[in-house]
Amino acid sequence: MVTFWGIFSDRFGRKLVFIIAFIIQGITLAVYPFVPNFWILLIIRILLSFGLSGANAIMTSALGDYIDRER
């Protein structure tokens, strides 16, 4: 998943990809209380992990640009 987010951020920019990752997280977390059964919860949980991996990948690369390498 991280490879997908990396390619996507190189093509469209980090800010857009970061916003999309947070939208995915927000929608999946908003749907959590209304899940009728386990299997739909599992699918929503997979979508949530997809959004979390995107935010993690983009934030790690963004922090790498701002942290001094000599430290």
N, C-alpha and C. Protein backbone atom coordinates (compact mmCIF):
# COMPACT_ATOMS: atom_id res chain seq x y z
N MET A 1 0.80 -1.20 0.00
CA MET A 1 0.00 0.00 0.00
C MET A 1 0.85 1.27 0.00
N VAL A 2 1.98 1.21 0.67
CA VAL A 2 2.83 2.40 0.75
C VAL A 2 3.35 2.77 -0.63
N THR A 3 3.63 1.77 -1.46
CA THR A 3 4.11 2.04 -2.81
C THR A 3 3.04 2.79 -3.61
N PHE A 4 1.80 2.38 -3.49
CA PHE A 4 0.71 3.08 -4.17
C PHE A 4 0.64 4.54 -3.74
N TRP A 5 0.69 4.77 -2.44
CA TRP A 5 0.60 6.15 -1.94
C TRP A 5 1.80 6.97 -2.38
N GLY A 6 2.98 6.36 -2.43
CA GLY A 6 4.18 7.08 -2.88
C GLY A 6 4.08 7.50 -4.33
N ILE A 7 3.65 6.60 -5.18
CA ILE A 7 3.48 6.92 -6.60
C ILE A 7 2.41 8.00 -6.78
N PHE A 8 1.33 7.85 -6.05
CA PHE A 8 0.23 8.81 -6.11
C PHE A 8 0.68 10.19 -5.64
N SER A 9 1.49 10.26 -4.59
CA SER A 9 1.95 11.56 -4.09
C SER A 9 2.99 12.19 -5.01
N ASP A 10 3.80 11.37 -5.68
CA ASP A 10 4.75 11.92 -6.65
C ASP A 10 4.02 12.53 -7.84
N ARG A 11 2.92 11.94 -8.21
CA ARG A 11 2.19 12.42 -9.38
C ARG A 11 1.31 13.62 -9.07
N PHE A 12 0.63 13.61 -7.92
CA PHE A 12 -0.36 14.64 -7.63
C PHE A 12 0.00 15.57 -6.47
N GLY A 13 1.06 15.29 -5.76
CA GLY A 13 1.48 16.15 -4.66
C GLY A 13 1.08 15.58 -3.30
N ARG A 14 1.88 15.88 -2.31
CA ARG A 14 1.65 15.34 -0.97
C ARG A 14 0.39 15.85 -0.31
N LYS A 15 0.11 17.13 -0.53
CA LYS A 15 -1.04 17.73 0.16
C LYS A 15 -2.34 17.05 -0.26
N LEU A 16 -2.54 16.85 -1.55
CA LEU A 16 -3.75 16.22 -2.03
C LEU A 16 -3.88 14.79 -1.52
N VAL A 17 -2.78 14.05 -1.55
CA VAL A 17 -2.80 12.66 -1.10
C VAL A 17 -3.06 12.59 0.40
N PHE A 18 -2.49 13.50 1.15
CA PHE A 18 -2.72 13.55 2.58
C PHE A 18 -4.18 13.84 2.90
N ILE A 19 -4.78 14.75 2.15
CA ILE A 19 -6.20 15.07 2.34
C ILE A 19 -7.07 13.87 1.99
N ILE A 20 -6.75 13.18 0.91
CA ILE A 20 -7.52 12.00 0.52
C ILE A 20 -7.41 10.91 1.58
N ALA A 21 -6.21 10.70 2.11
CA ALA A 21 -6.02 9.69 3.16
C ALA A 21 -6.86 10.02 4.39
N PHE A 22 -6.90 11.30 4.77
CA PHE A 22 -7.70 11.68 5.94
C PHE A 22 -9.20 11.61 5.67
N ILE A 23 -9.61 11.86 4.43
CA ILE A 23 -11.03 11.71 4.09
C ILE A 23 -11.43 10.24 4.19
N ILE A 24 -10.58 9.35 3.70
CA ILE A 24 -10.86 7.91 3.81
C ILE A 24 -10.98 7.52 5.29
N GLN A 25 -10.07 8.01 6.11
CA GLN A 25 -10.13 7.70 7.54
C GLN A 25 -11.40 8.25 8.17
N GLY A 26 -11.76 9.48 7.84
CA GLY A 26 -12.94 10.10 8.43
C GLY A 26 -14.23 9.38 8.06
N ILE A 27 -14.35 9.01 6.80
CA ILE A 27 -15.56 8.32 6.37
C ILE A 27 -15.67 6.95 7.04
N THR A 28 -14.58 6.21 7.06
CA THR A 28 -14.65 4.88 7.66
C THR A 28 -14.91 4.95 9.16
N LEU A 29 -14.34 5.92 9.84
CA LEU A 29 -14.61 6.04 11.27
C LEU A 29 -16.03 6.53 11.55
N ALA A 30 -16.59 7.33 10.65
CA ALA A 30 -17.96 7.80 10.84
C ALA A 30 -18.98 6.68 10.62
N VAL A 31 -18.62 5.68 9.83
CA VAL A 31 -19.53 4.58 9.53
C VAL A 31 -19.48 3.50 10.62
N TYR A 32 -18.44 3.48 11.42
CA TYR A 32 -18.26 2.45 12.45
C TYR A 32 -19.50 2.18 13.32
N PRO A 33 -20.16 3.20 13.87
CA PRO A 33 -21.29 2.91 14.77
C PRO A 33 -22.51 2.28 14.09
N PHE A 34 -22.56 2.36 12.77
CA PHE A 34 -23.74 1.91 12.05
C PHE A 34 -23.54 0.57 11.33
N VAL A 35 -22.47 -0.13 11.64
CA VAL A 35 -22.16 -1.39 10.96
C VAL A 35 -23.10 -2.49 11.45
N PRO A 36 -23.78 -3.18 10.51
CA PRO A 36 -24.75 -4.20 10.94
C PRO A 36 -24.16 -5.56 11.27
N ASN A 37 -23.01 -5.91 10.68
CA ASN A 37 -22.45 -7.22 10.98
C ASN A 37 -20.92 -7.21 10.89
N PHE A 38 -20.34 -8.35 11.23
CA PHE A 38 -18.90 -8.47 11.31
C PHE A 38 -18.21 -8.29 9.97
N TRP A 39 -18.76 -8.83 8.90
CA TRP A 39 -18.09 -8.81 7.60
C TRP A 39 -18.00 -7.40 7.02
N ILE A 40 -19.01 -6.62 7.21
CA ILE A 40 -18.94 -5.22 6.77
C ILE A 40 -17.94 -4.44 7.63
N LEU A 41 -17.91 -4.75 8.92
CA LEU A 41 -16.92 -4.14 9.79
C LEU A 41 -15.51 -4.48 9.33
N LEU A 42 -15.30 -5.71 8.91
CA LEU A 42 -13.99 -6.13 8.41
C LEU A 42 -13.61 -5.34 7.15
N ILE A 43 -14.54 -5.15 6.25
CA ILE A 43 -14.27 -4.38 5.03
C ILE A 43 -13.96 -2.92 5.38
N ILE A 44 -14.71 -2.36 6.30
CA ILE A 44 -14.46 -0.98 6.70
C ILE A 44 -13.11 -0.85 7.39
N ARG A 45 -12.77 -1.85 8.17
CA ARG A 45 -11.47 -1.84 8.85
C ARG A 45 -10.32 -1.90 7.84
N ILE A 46 -10.48 -2.67 6.77
CA ILE A 46 -9.47 -2.73 5.72
C ILE A 46 -9.34 -1.37 5.03
N LEU A 47 -10.45 -0.72 4.75
CA LEU A 47 -10.40 0.62 4.16
C LEU A 47 -9.73 1.62 5.10
N LEU A 48 -9.99 1.48 6.40
CA LEU A 48 -9.35 2.36 7.38
C LEU A 48 -7.83 2.16 7.37
N SER A 49 -7.39 0.92 7.31
CA SER A 49 -5.95 0.67 7.28
C SER A 49 -5.32 1.20 6.00
N PHE A 50 -6.08 1.19 4.90
CA PHE A 50 -5.60 1.78 3.65
C PHE A 50 -5.37 3.28 3.82
N GLY A 51 -6.30 3.97 4.45
CA GLY A 51 -6.14 5.40 4.70
C GLY A 51 -5.02 5.71 5.68
N LEU A 52 -4.90 4.89 6.71
CA LEU A 52 -3.83 5.10 7.70
C LEU A 52 -2.45 4.88 7.09
N SER A 53 -2.32 3.90 6.22
CA SER A 53 -1.02 3.65 5.59
C SER A 53 -0.64 4.83 4.69
N GLY A 54 -1.62 5.43 4.05
CA GLY A 54 -1.33 6.59 3.21
C GLY A 54 -0.86 7.78 4.02
N ALA A 55 -1.55 8.06 5.11
CA ALA A 55 -1.15 9.18 5.96
C ALA A 55 0.23 8.95 6.56
N ASN A 56 0.51 7.73 6.97
CA ASN A 56 1.80 7.40 7.55
C ASN A 56 2.91 7.55 6.53
N ALA A 57 2.70 7.07 5.32
CA ALA A 57 3.73 7.15 4.28
C ALA A 57 4.04 8.59 3.90
N ILE A 58 3.01 9.39 3.74
CA ILE A 58 3.20 10.78 3.33
C ILE A 58 3.83 11.58 4.45
N MET A 59 3.40 11.37 5.69
CA MET A 59 3.97 12.11 6.81
C MET A 59 5.45 11.76 7.03
N THR A 60 5.79 10.49 6.87
CA THR A 60 7.19 10.08 7.03
C THR A 60 8.08 10.75 5.99
N SER A 61 7.63 10.79 4.75
CA SER A 61 8.45 11.43 3.72
C SER A 61 8.50 12.94 3.90
N ALA A 62 7.41 13.55 4.35
CA ALA A 62 7.40 14.98 4.58
C ALA A 62 8.34 15.36 5.74
N LEU A 63 8.33 14.58 6.80
CA LEU A 63 9.23 14.86 7.92
C LEU A 63 10.69 14.67 7.52
N GLY A 64 10.95 13.73 6.64
CA GLY A 64 12.31 13.52 6.16
C GLY A 64 12.86 14.71 5.41
N ASP A 65 11.99 15.51 4.80
CA ASP A 65 12.44 16.71 4.10
C ASP A 65 12.81 17.83 5.05
N TYR A 66 12.22 17.86 6.23
CA TYR A 66 12.43 18.97 7.15
C TYR A 66 13.42 18.70 8.27
N ILE A 67 13.75 17.45 8.52
CA ILE A 67 14.69 17.11 9.59
C ILE A 67 16.12 17.15 9.05
N ASP A 68 16.98 17.77 9.80
CA ASP A 68 18.37 17.90 9.40
C ASP A 68 19.04 16.53 9.44
N ARG A 69 19.72 16.15 8.37
CA ARG A 69 20.34 14.83 8.28
C ARG A 69 21.61 14.71 9.13
N GLU A 70 22.19 15.81 9.53
CA GLU A 70 23.41 15.78 10.32
C GLU A 70 23.15 15.45 11.78
N ARG A 71 21.93 15.50 12.23
CA ARG A 71 21.59 15.22 13.63
C ARG A 71 21.64 13.76 13.91
